[in-house]
Amino acid sequence: MDDDKVIDLASEVFIRNAITNAAYNALYHLQGLLGIKVGDYAPDVALQLEEHLNALVKDYCDIFSDQRMSARM
């Protein structure tokens, strides 16, 4: 596996974890404010959140990749 592929995979893992942790912390806080038990939401909402997470991770990975390419030129 070449260096670029390793960097792309590592950045995706890092970005996904950062976004997931930030989203979890925000949802946990909001649920607490609203008096909702943690994880007490419908499965279809969870699927929508996963779809949004995947789209957001892809966007940030694309931005990161574009910035790396620009830095090389």
C-alpha atoms as a PDB file:
ATOM      1  CA  MET A   1       0.000   0.000   0.000  1.00  0.00           C
ATOM      2  CA  ASP A   2       1.487   3.358  -0.993  1.00  0.00           C
ATOM      3  CA  ASP A   3       1.842   6.351   1.338  1.00  0.00           C
ATOM      4  CA  ASP A   4      -1.050   8.273  -0.207  1.00  0.00           C
ATOM      5  CA  LYS A   5      -3.467   5.394   0.382  1.00  0.00           C
ATOM      6  CA  VAL A   6      -2.327   5.054   4.005  1.00  0.00           C
ATOM      7  CA  ILE A   7      -2.775   8.797   4.568  1.00  0.00           C
ATOM      8  CA  ASP A   8      -6.235   8.705   2.972  1.00  0.00           C
ATOM      9  CA  LEU A   9      -7.338   5.769   5.135  1.00  0.00           C
ATOM     10  CA  ALA A  10      -5.891   7.272   8.309  1.00  0.00           C
ATOM     11  CA  SER A  11      -7.504  10.642   7.611  1.00  0.00           C
ATOM     12  CA  GLU A  12     -10.890   8.990   7.054  1.00  0.00           C
ATOM     13  CA  VAL A  13     -10.633   7.145  10.382  1.00  0.00           C
ATOM     14  CA  PHE A  14      -9.531  10.320  12.182  1.00  0.00           C
ATOM     15  CA  ILE A  15     -12.213  12.496  10.587  1.00  0.00           C
ATOM     16  CA  ARG A  16     -14.967   9.920  11.177  1.00  0.00           C
ATOM     17  CA  ASN A  17     -13.980   9.537  14.843  1.00  0.00           C
ATOM     18  CA  ALA A  18     -13.736  13.293  15.393  1.00  0.00           C
ATOM     19  CA  ILE A  19     -17.146  13.960  13.834  1.00  0.00           C
ATOM     20  CA  THR A  20     -18.747  10.988  15.596  1.00  0.00           C
ATOM     21  CA  ASN A  21     -17.394  12.046  18.990  1.00  0.00           C
ATOM     22  CA  ALA A  22     -18.438  15.665  18.506  1.00  0.00           C
ATOM     23  CA  ALA A  23     -21.910  14.632  17.331  1.00  0.00           C
ATOM     24  CA  TYR A  24     -22.325  12.182  20.193  1.00  0.00           C
ATOM     25  CA  ASN A  25     -21.307  14.810  22.753  1.00  0.00           C
ATOM     26  CA  ALA A  26     -23.686  17.372  21.263  1.00  0.00           C
ATOM     27  CA  LEU A  27     -26.580  14.876  21.097  1.00  0.00           C
ATOM     28  CA  TYR A  28     -25.904  13.681  24.636  1.00  0.00           C
ATOM     29  CA  HIS A  29     -25.974  17.262  25.899  1.00  0.00           C
ATOM     30  CA  LEU A  30     -29.133  18.135  23.972  1.00  0.00           C
ATOM     31  CA  GLN A  31     -30.885  14.964  25.085  1.00  0.00           C
ATOM     32  CA  GLY A  32     -30.024  15.839  28.667  1.00  0.00           C
ATOM     33  CA  LEU A  33     -31.447  19.323  28.245  1.00  0.00           C
ATOM     34  CA  LEU A  34     -34.628  17.897  26.738  1.00  0.00           C
ATOM     35  CA  GLY A  35     -34.959  15.099  29.301  1.00  0.00           C
ATOM     36  CA  ILE A  36     -34.554  12.333  26.707  1.00  0.00           C
ATOM     37  CA  LYS A  37     -32.818   9.136  27.755  1.00  0.00           C
ATOM     38  CA  VAL A  38     -29.586   8.423  25.863  1.00  0.00           C
ATOM     39  CA  GLY A  39     -30.270   6.459  22.694  1.00  0.00           C
ATOM     40  CA  ASP A  40     -34.027   6.907  23.012  1.00  0.00           C
ATOM     41  CA  TYR A  41     -34.768   7.697  19.375  1.00  0.00           C
ATOM     42  CA  ALA A  42     -36.310   5.820  16.489  1.00  0.00           C
ATOM     43  CA  PRO A  43     -34.202   3.484  14.308  1.00  0.00           C
ATOM     44  CA  ASP A  44     -35.064   5.468  11.167  1.00  0.00           C
ATOM     45  CA  VAL A  45     -33.566   8.574  12.783  1.00  0.00           C
ATOM     46  CA  ALA A  46     -30.407   6.603  13.559  1.00  0.00           C
ATOM     47  CA  LEU A  47     -30.164   5.530   9.912  1.00  0.00           C
ATOM     48  CA  GLN A  48     -30.578   9.126   8.761  1.00  0.00           C
ATOM     49  CA  LEU A  49     -27.848  10.198  11.182  1.00  0.00           C
ATOM     50  CA  GLU A  50     -25.548   7.493   9.784  1.00  0.00           C
ATOM     51  CA  GLU A  51     -26.232   8.672   6.219  1.00  0.00           C
ATOM     52  CA  HIS A  52     -25.453  12.264   7.184  1.00  0.00           C
ATOM     53  CA  LEU A  53     -22.312  11.161   9.005  1.00  0.00           C
ATOM     54  CA  ASN A  54     -21.092   9.240   5.950  1.00  0.00           C
ATOM     55  CA  ALA A  55     -21.759  12.231   3.674  1.00  0.00           C
ATOM     56  CA  LEU A  56     -20.006  14.606   6.066  1.00  0.00           C
ATOM     57  CA  VAL A  57     -16.974  12.309   6.396  1.00  0.00           C
ATOM     58  CA  LYS A  58     -16.760  11.983   2.613  1.00  0.00           C
ATOM     59  CA  ASP A  59     -16.893  15.766   2.186  1.00  0.00           C
ATOM     60  CA  TYR A  60     -14.148  16.363   4.751  1.00  0.00           C
ATOM     61  CA  CYS A  61     -11.985  13.583   3.281  1.00  0.00           C
ATOM     62  CA  ASP A  62     -12.392  15.136  -0.178  1.00  0.00           C
ATOM     63  CA  ILE A  63     -11.421  18.555   1.191  1.00  0.00           C
ATOM     64  CA  PHE A  64      -8.392  17.068   2.955  1.00  0.00           C
ATOM     65  CA  SER A  65      -7.332  15.228  -0.190  1.00  0.00           C
ATOM     66  CA  ASP A  66      -7.726  18.375  -2.326  1.00  0.00           C
ATOM     67  CA  GLN A  67      -5.634  20.383   0.136  1.00  0.00           C
ATOM     68  CA  ARG A  68      -2.890  17.754   0.075  1.00  0.00           C
ATOM     69  CA  MET A  69      -2.851  17.815  -3.726  1.00  0.00           C
ATOM     70  CA  SER A  70      -2.696  21.625  -3.766  1.00  0.00           C
ATOM     71  CA  ALA A  71       0.183  21.603  -1.260  1.00  0.00           C
ATOM     72  CA  ARG A  72       2.200  19.383  -3.609  1.00  0.00           C
ATOM     73  CA  MET A  73       1.902  21.753  -6.537  1.00  0.00           C
END
